[in-house]
Amino acid sequence: MNLRASAEKIINTRNPGMFCALLLLPLTLASYLYGLIVAIRSALYKAGVLKSHTAECRVITVGNLTVGGTGKTPMVCRVAARLNHRGFRTVVLCRGYRGQNTNTPLIVSDQKNILADAVSAGDEAFMLAQKLPGTPVIAAKDRVRAARMACDRFAAQVIVLDDGFQYFRLKRDLDIVLVNAQNPFGNGFLLPRGILREPLAALERANIIILTKTGPHNRNTADLEQTLARYNPKAPVFKSFYRPVKLIYASDHSELSLDSVSGKKVTGFCSIGDPDSFFTSIQDLGLALAEKRVFPDHHRYSPADCQWLKTRAEHSDYLMTTEKDIAKIGPDVLQVKNLIALEVEEVVDKTELFFEKLI
């Protein structure tokens, strides 16, 4: 078992037993300390000791309570695309996680051109720029400054703030909170013992809650919905799932039909927060998953990784990954002829009712 798998097993353990509980005691104590810091920070913002800034336009956040794996990036795409379709000048703001040039606001896309790559802006910001042609995308650790840029330079009417539920420095008009229906809250502990960023009581701030990954492989969500209602009886709850849209060859961006790959042998790899959902999608397409490899979330592919990928491509009909990973792979691997990326979209039930609540 690799280090990542070991860590994930630890932070998702619900009943570890006496011996493991003692071994995990330092992490448990650290999680309580983390919770105290989170509570103090929240109280300071509520009291006005720490200042929240108001943007000169409407701000919608798409966020979650847990670390990774809820589908924020596809949902940001859906929300921003719909707002653009309705005629609102929309700008997407990202933190630019692991981007090298985001200490000051970095324009990743200016509506007409993509101006930064995944190394500079972070893989999520770069992917959003690719997926949202005509929509400005800005990556910055300081999203207050980024919001000012969005209004001053692009005359934004609506800002969609990616991963903004815990970003109290910027006031928001609507908070959309995503909950992974397959693993809603991990083992119930805060970081670093669990995957929670905040206690479940923070759900009371949500205006809309979306249960993501509620496809045919998911369990019944009735109990989860009751839990959500206890913490926030007012927020409407929607459900969403990933729908495969197309397969794209990395080498020339040509498309491959979904029904043409059934029965083919594939090596799948990814570096996303919820890799199991990706591998499930591969199997749902009828592909034979001969081998799979999971890299850490936001992983930067090393020369050794790329060599492994090229070797595996020679032993598979297809080498398959996600859109987010394609943005981070070196140009030599991108030229592998049988490397394909699965493009998905997030489908929300009661779609029109959901979109009506955005504005």
Protein backbone atom coordinates (compact mmCIF):
# COMPACT_ATOMS: atom_id res chain seq x y z
CA MET A 1 0.00 0.00 0.00
CA ASN A 2 1.49 3.38 -0.98
CA LEU A 3 1.73 6.39 1.30
CA ARG A 4 -1.33 8.08 -0.19
CA ALA A 5 -3.51 5.00 0.22
CA SER A 6 -2.29 4.57 3.80
CA ALA A 7 -3.10 8.18 4.65
CA GLU A 8 -6.57 7.92 3.08
CA LYS A 9 -7.28 4.75 5.02
CA ILE A 10 -6.29 6.50 8.27
CA ILE A 11 -8.41 9.61 7.77
CA ASN A 12 -11.45 7.57 6.76
CA THR A 13 -11.25 5.04 9.59
CA ARG A 14 -14.43 5.20 11.68
CA ASN A 15 -13.81 2.47 14.28
CA PRO A 16 -10.05 1.95 14.44
CA GLY A 17 -9.97 -0.17 17.60
CA MET A 18 -8.14 0.59 20.82
CA PHE A 19 -4.59 0.08 19.53
CA CYS A 20 -5.06 2.16 16.36
CA ALA A 21 -6.95 4.82 18.33
CA LEU A 22 -3.87 5.24 20.55
CA LEU A 23 -1.62 5.48 17.50
CA LEU A 24 -3.97 8.07 16.00
CA LEU A 25 -4.19 10.08 19.22
CA PRO A 26 -1.76 12.82 18.05
CA LEU A 27 -3.85 13.34 14.90
CA THR A 28 -7.04 13.33 16.98
CA LEU A 29 -5.67 16.00 19.31
CA ALA A 30 -4.47 18.01 16.33
CA SER A 31 -7.98 17.86 14.83
CA TYR A 32 -9.44 19.36 18.02
CA LEU A 33 -6.83 22.12 17.91
CA TYR A 34 -7.67 22.72 14.26
CA GLY A 35 -11.37 22.93 15.15
CA LEU A 36 -10.61 25.53 17.82
CA ILE A 37 -8.69 27.64 15.30
CA VAL A 38 -11.55 27.34 12.79
CA ALA A 39 -14.09 28.42 15.43
CA ILE A 40 -11.98 31.42 16.53
CA ARG A 41 -11.44 32.53 12.94
CA SER A 42 -15.16 32.30 12.17
CA ALA A 43 -16.03 34.25 15.34
CA LEU A 44 -13.54 37.00 14.48
CA TYR A 45 -15.14 37.47 11.06
CA LYS A 46 -18.64 37.51 12.56
CA ALA A 47 -17.56 40.11 15.09
CA GLY A 48 -15.96 42.26 12.41
CA VAL A 49 -12.50 41.98 13.93
CA LEU A 50 -11.36 40.39 10.69
CA LYS A 51 -12.76 42.31 7.74
CA SER A 52 -14.83 40.92 4.89
CA HIS A 53 -14.76 42.91 1.66
CA THR A 54 -17.70 43.54 -0.66
CA ALA A 55 -17.27 43.14 -4.41
CA GLU A 56 -18.97 45.52 -6.83
CA CYS A 57 -21.00 42.68 -8.31
CA ARG A 58 -22.82 39.52 -7.29
CA VAL A 59 -20.61 36.78 -5.82
CA ILE A 60 -21.52 33.08 -5.97
CA THR A 61 -19.27 30.55 -4.26
CA VAL A 62 -18.99 26.86 -5.08
CA GLY A 63 -17.39 25.00 -2.19
CA ASN A 64 -17.57 22.13 0.25
CA LEU A 65 -16.91 21.02 3.82
CA THR A 66 -14.33 18.37 2.99
CA VAL A 67 -10.96 18.06 1.34
CA GLY A 68 -11.28 17.30 -2.38
CA GLY A 69 -13.42 14.91 -4.33
CA THR A 70 -16.81 16.64 -4.44
CA GLY A 71 -16.77 17.86 -8.05
CA LYS A 72 -16.30 21.60 -7.56
CA THR A 73 -14.57 22.24 -10.89
CA PRO A 74 -17.30 20.69 -13.10
CA MET A 75 -19.95 22.54 -11.07
CA VAL A 76 -18.12 25.86 -11.50
CA CYS A 77 -18.16 25.17 -15.25
CA ARG A 78 -21.90 24.48 -15.22
CA VAL A 79 -22.75 27.57 -13.19
CA ALA A 80 -20.50 29.96 -15.14
CA ALA A 81 -21.64 28.61 -18.52
CA ARG A 82 -25.30 29.04 -17.58
CA LEU A 83 -24.77 32.59 -16.34
CA ASN A 84 -22.97 33.46 -19.58
CA HIS A 85 -25.80 31.91 -21.58
CA ARG A 86 -28.26 34.16 -19.75
CA GLY A 87 -26.23 37.22 -20.75
CA PHE A 88 -24.43 38.00 -17.49
CA ARG A 89 -20.80 39.12 -17.69
CA THR A 90 -19.28 36.35 -15.60
CA VAL A 91 -15.75 36.00 -14.25
CA VAL A 92 -14.38 32.89 -12.52
CA LEU A 93 -11.95 33.30 -9.63
CA CYS A 94 -9.70 30.46 -8.45
CA ARG A 95 -7.11 30.17 -5.75
CA GLY A 96 -4.72 28.70 -8.28
CA TYR A 97 -3.63 25.88 -6.02
CA ARG A 98 0.00 24.90 -6.70
CA GLY A 99 0.26 27.58 -9.37
CA GLN A 100 3.66 29.23 -9.32
CA ASN A 101 2.54 32.76 -10.23
CA THR A 102 -0.58 33.42 -8.16
CA ASN A 103 0.80 35.61 -5.38
CA THR A 104 -0.64 38.47 -7.42
CA PRO A 105 -3.80 38.11 -9.53
CA LEU A 106 -2.99 36.19 -12.70
CA ILE A 107 -5.29 36.43 -15.70
CA VAL A 108 -5.49 32.88 -17.00
CA SER A 109 -8.02 33.73 -19.71
CA ASP A 110 -9.05 37.20 -20.93
CA GLN A 111 -12.14 36.00 -22.88
CA LYS A 112 -10.23 35.70 -26.15
CA ASN A 113 -7.00 33.91 -25.26
CA ILE A 114 -5.56 31.60 -22.63
CA LEU A 115 -2.61 33.51 -21.21
CA ALA A 116 -1.18 31.14 -18.60
CA ASP A 117 -0.44 27.44 -18.35
CA ALA A 118 -1.13 24.90 -15.60
CA VAL A 119 2.29 25.41 -14.02
CA SER A 120 1.74 29.15 -13.60
CA ALA A 121 -1.97 29.14 -12.77
CA GLY A 122 -2.62 25.70 -11.28
CA ASP A 123 -4.29 22.81 -13.04
CA GLU A 124 -7.87 23.67 -12.03
CA ALA A 125 -7.63 27.29 -13.18
CA PHE A 126 -6.07 26.22 -16.48
CA MET A 127 -8.75 23.59 -17.04
CA LEU A 128 -11.51 26.13 -16.34
CA ALA A 129 -9.97 28.51 -18.86
CA GLN A 130 -10.02 25.74 -21.45
CA LYS A 131 -13.59 24.69 -20.65
CA LEU A 132 -15.04 28.21 -20.57
CA PRO A 133 -14.05 30.02 -23.77
CA GLY A 134 -15.17 33.62 -23.61
CA THR A 135 -15.16 33.68 -19.81
CA PRO A 136 -12.35 35.47 -17.97
CA VAL A 137 -10.60 33.29 -15.42
CA ILE A 138 -8.36 34.80 -12.73
CA ALA A 139 -6.13 32.83 -10.35
CA ALA A 140 -4.97 34.44 -7.12
CA LYS A 141 -4.37 33.58 -3.49
CA ASP A 142 -5.82 37.01 -2.66
CA ARG A 143 -9.29 36.73 -4.17
CA VAL A 144 -10.30 40.15 -2.87
CA ARG A 145 -7.75 41.72 -5.20
CA ALA A 146 -8.84 39.31 -7.93
CA ALA A 147 -12.46 40.41 -7.46
CA ARG A 148 -11.46 44.05 -7.89
CA MET A 149 -9.64 43.12 -11.10
CA ALA A 150 -12.70 41.24 -12.34
CA CYS A 151 -14.89 44.31 -11.87
CA ASP A 152 -12.38 46.93 -13.06
CA ARG A 153 -11.00 45.12 -16.10
CA PHE A 154 -13.88 42.91 -17.19
CA ALA A 155 -16.91 44.82 -15.80
CA ALA A 156 -18.07 41.63 -14.10
CA GLN A 157 -21.74 41.36 -13.17
CA VAL A 158 -21.29 37.99 -11.47
CA ILE A 159 -18.21 36.39 -9.94
CA VAL A 160 -18.13 32.61 -9.50
CA LEU A 161 -15.66 31.85 -6.73
CA ASP A 162 -14.21 28.34 -6.97
CA ASP A 163 -13.65 26.67 -3.57
CA GLY A 164 -14.86 29.77 -1.73
CA PHE A 165 -17.04 28.48 1.11
CA GLN A 166 -14.30 29.05 3.70
CA TYR A 167 -12.96 32.25 2.10
CA PHE A 168 -14.54 34.79 4.46
CA ARG A 169 -12.46 37.75 3.24
CA LEU A 170 -14.85 38.15 0.29
CA LYS A 171 -18.54 38.59 1.02
CA ARG A 172 -20.85 36.44 -1.01
CA ASP A 173 -24.47 36.60 -2.13
CA LEU A 174 -24.97 32.86 -2.60
CA ASP A 175 -23.12 29.86 -1.15
CA ILE A 176 -23.43 26.54 -3.03
CA VAL A 177 -22.09 23.65 -0.96
CA LEU A 178 -21.29 20.31 -2.56
CA VAL A 179 -21.44 17.07 -0.58
CA ASN A 180 -20.03 13.84 -2.00
CA ALA A 181 -22.90 11.38 -1.52
CA GLN A 182 -20.49 8.43 -1.64
CA ASN A 183 -18.33 9.72 1.21
CA PRO A 184 -20.09 12.75 2.72
CA PHE A 185 -18.00 13.53 5.78
CA GLY A 186 -15.34 10.82 6.02
CA ASN A 187 -14.99 9.56 9.58
CA GLY A 188 -16.54 12.70 11.06
CA PHE A 189 -13.26 14.19 12.24
CA LEU A 190 -11.78 17.50 11.24
CA LEU A 191 -8.36 17.73 9.61
CA PRO A 192 -5.85 16.15 10.01
CA ARG A 193 -7.59 13.14 11.61
CA GLY A 194 -10.40 13.31 9.06
CA ILE A 195 -11.36 15.13 5.87
CA LEU A 196 -13.62 17.85 7.29
CA ARG A 197 -12.52 21.46 6.91
CA GLU A 198 -15.26 22.67 9.24
CA PRO A 199 -17.79 21.08 11.62
CA LEU A 200 -21.11 20.04 10.09
CA ALA A 201 -22.74 23.02 11.82
CA ALA A 202 -21.13 25.20 9.13
CA LEU A 203 -23.77 23.87 6.73
CA GLU A 204 -26.12 26.46 8.18
CA ARG A 205 -24.35 29.06 6.00
CA ALA A 206 -25.24 27.24 2.78
CA ASN A 207 -27.93 28.67 0.50
CA ILE A 208 -27.97 25.61 -1.76
CA ILE A 209 -26.71 22.08 -1.08
CA ILE A 210 -25.91 19.66 -3.89
CA LEU A 211 -25.35 15.95 -3.33
CA THR A 212 -22.81 15.02 -5.97
CA LYS A 213 -21.95 11.62 -7.46
CA THR A 214 -25.44 10.22 -6.96
CA GLY A 215 -25.20 7.87 -9.95
CA PRO A 216 -26.48 4.29 -10.18
CA HIS A 217 -23.65 2.96 -8.00
CA ASN A 218 -24.49 5.16 -5.03
CA ARG A 219 -26.41 4.17 -1.94
CA ASN A 220 -29.78 5.61 -0.98
CA THR A 221 -29.36 9.22 0.16
CA ALA A 222 -32.41 9.51 2.43
CA ASP A 223 -30.40 9.29 5.66
CA LEU A 224 -27.86 11.80 4.38
CA GLU A 225 -30.62 14.22 3.42
CA GLN A 226 -32.07 13.94 6.94
CA THR A 227 -28.65 14.78 8.38
CA LEU A 228 -28.36 17.83 6.13
CA ALA A 229 -31.86 18.96 7.14
CA ARG A 230 -30.90 18.87 10.82
CA TYR A 231 -28.11 21.36 10.21
CA ASN A 232 -29.86 23.47 7.57
CA PRO A 233 -33.59 22.92 7.06
CA LYS A 234 -33.92 25.95 4.76
CA ALA A 235 -31.41 25.24 2.00
CA PRO A 236 -32.86 23.32 -0.97
CA VAL A 237 -31.05 20.06 -1.71
CA PHE A 238 -30.33 19.01 -5.28
CA LYS A 239 -28.62 15.91 -6.64
CA SER A 240 -26.03 15.64 -9.38
CA PHE A 241 -24.02 13.01 -11.22
CA TYR A 242 -21.27 12.86 -13.82
CA ARG A 243 -22.25 12.13 -17.40
CA PRO A 244 -19.53 11.14 -19.88
CA VAL A 245 -19.63 13.52 -22.83
CA LYS A 246 -16.80 12.44 -25.11
CA LEU A 247 -13.31 11.00 -25.36
CA ILE A 248 -10.52 13.19 -26.69
CA TYR A 249 -7.17 12.15 -28.14
CA ALA A 250 -4.45 14.16 -26.39
CA SER A 251 -2.19 14.25 -29.44
CA ASP A 252 -4.49 16.09 -31.84
CA HIS A 253 -7.68 16.83 -29.83
CA SER A 254 -9.81 14.74 -32.16
CA GLU A 255 -12.82 12.97 -30.68
CA LEU A 256 -13.51 9.30 -30.13
CA SER A 257 -17.09 8.14 -29.73
CA LEU A 258 -18.05 6.69 -26.37
CA ASP A 259 -19.63 3.56 -27.85
CA SER A 260 -16.55 2.66 -29.92
CA VAL A 261 -14.35 1.73 -26.95
CA SER A 262 -16.45 -0.99 -25.35
CA GLY A 263 -14.39 -4.11 -24.64
CA LYS A 264 -11.04 -2.39 -25.22
CA LYS A 265 -8.21 -2.85 -22.71
CA VAL A 266 -7.28 0.37 -20.94
CA THR A 267 -4.74 1.57 -18.40
CA GLY A 268 -6.35 4.30 -16.32
CA PHE A 269 -4.51 6.90 -14.26
CA CYS A 270 -5.43 10.13 -12.50
CA SER A 271 -4.49 12.59 -9.77
CA ILE A 272 -7.86 13.83 -8.53
CA GLY A 273 -9.58 14.00 -5.15
CA ASP A 274 -11.93 11.07 -5.80
CA PRO A 275 -10.16 8.64 -8.15
CA ASP A 276 -12.72 5.87 -7.66
CA SER A 277 -15.35 7.89 -9.51
CA PHE A 278 -13.06 8.11 -12.54
CA PHE A 279 -12.34 4.37 -12.62
CA THR A 280 -16.05 3.63 -12.20
CA SER A 281 -16.75 5.82 -15.25
CA ILE A 282 -14.20 3.81 -17.26
CA GLN A 283 -15.92 0.55 -16.39
CA ASP A 284 -19.36 2.04 -17.09
CA LEU A 285 -18.20 2.71 -20.63
CA GLY A 286 -17.58 -1.02 -21.06
CA LEU A 287 -13.80 -0.74 -21.04
CA ALA A 288 -11.66 -3.47 -19.50
CA LEU A 289 -9.61 -1.76 -16.79
CA ALA A 290 -6.41 -3.80 -17.06
CA GLU A 291 -4.39 -1.56 -14.78
CA LYS A 292 -4.92 1.60 -12.79
CA ARG A 293 -2.65 4.03 -11.01
CA VAL A 294 -3.58 6.77 -8.59
CA PHE A 295 -1.29 9.76 -8.11
CA PRO A 296 -1.76 12.31 -5.29
CA ASP A 297 -4.29 15.08 -5.92
CA HIS A 298 -2.75 17.97 -7.92
CA HIS A 299 0.29 15.80 -8.68
CA ARG A 300 2.96 17.15 -11.02
CA TYR A 301 4.07 14.36 -13.35
CA SER A 302 7.80 13.68 -13.12
CA PRO A 303 9.98 12.31 -15.95
CA ALA A 304 9.80 8.91 -14.23
CA ASP A 305 6.00 9.09 -14.17
CA CYS A 306 5.93 10.00 -17.84
CA GLN A 307 8.20 7.10 -18.72
CA TRP A 308 5.91 4.72 -16.85
CA LEU A 309 2.91 6.09 -18.76
CA LYS A 310 4.60 5.65 -22.12
CA THR A 311 5.53 2.09 -21.22
CA ARG A 312 1.98 1.23 -20.16
CA ALA A 313 0.60 2.76 -23.37
CA GLU A 314 2.46 0.11 -25.33
CA HIS A 315 0.61 -2.66 -23.48
CA SER A 316 -2.93 -1.24 -23.66
CA ASP A 317 -5.43 -0.34 -26.32
CA TYR A 318 -5.80 3.04 -24.62
CA LEU A 319 -4.06 5.03 -21.93
CA MET A 320 -6.87 6.97 -20.29
CA THR A 321 -7.03 9.88 -17.86
CA THR A 322 -9.06 12.94 -16.86
CA GLU A 323 -9.26 16.39 -18.41
CA LYS A 324 -7.57 17.87 -15.36
CA ASP A 325 -4.60 15.51 -15.70
CA ILE A 326 -4.12 16.20 -19.39
CA ALA A 327 -3.34 19.81 -18.46
CA LYS A 328 -0.35 18.69 -16.38
CA ILE A 329 1.28 16.04 -18.56
CA GLY A 330 4.51 16.80 -20.41
CA PRO A 331 4.45 17.32 -24.18
CA ASP A 332 6.29 14.06 -24.89
CA VAL A 333 3.52 12.00 -23.26
CA LEU A 334 0.82 14.10 -24.92
CA GLN A 335 2.08 12.78 -28.25
CA VAL A 336 1.36 9.17 -27.26
CA LYS A 337 -1.12 8.17 -29.96
CA ASN A 338 -3.48 6.15 -27.78
CA LEU A 339 -3.65 8.59 -24.84
CA ILE A 340 -7.24 9.75 -24.38
CA ALA A 341 -9.03 11.96 -21.85
CA LEU A 342 -12.58 11.44 -20.63
CA GLU A 343 -14.63 14.61 -20.71
CA VAL A 344 -17.59 14.68 -18.31
CA GLU A 345 -20.25 17.17 -17.36
CA GLU A 346 -22.10 17.48 -14.08
CA VAL A 347 -25.84 17.03 -14.46
CA VAL A 348 -28.11 18.48 -11.77
CA ASP A 349 -31.61 17.19 -11.14
CA LYS A 350 -34.38 19.79 -11.28
CA THR A 351 -31.96 21.72 -13.47
CA GLU A 352 -34.10 24.74 -14.24
CA LEU A 353 -35.14 25.21 -10.62
CA PHE A 354 -31.48 25.10 -9.59
CA PHE A 355 -30.41 27.68 -12.17
CA GLU A 356 -33.32 29.96 -11.27
CA LYS A 357 -31.86 30.27 -7.78
CA LEU A 358 -28.52 31.58 -9.00
CA ILE A 359 -29.76 35.11 -9.73
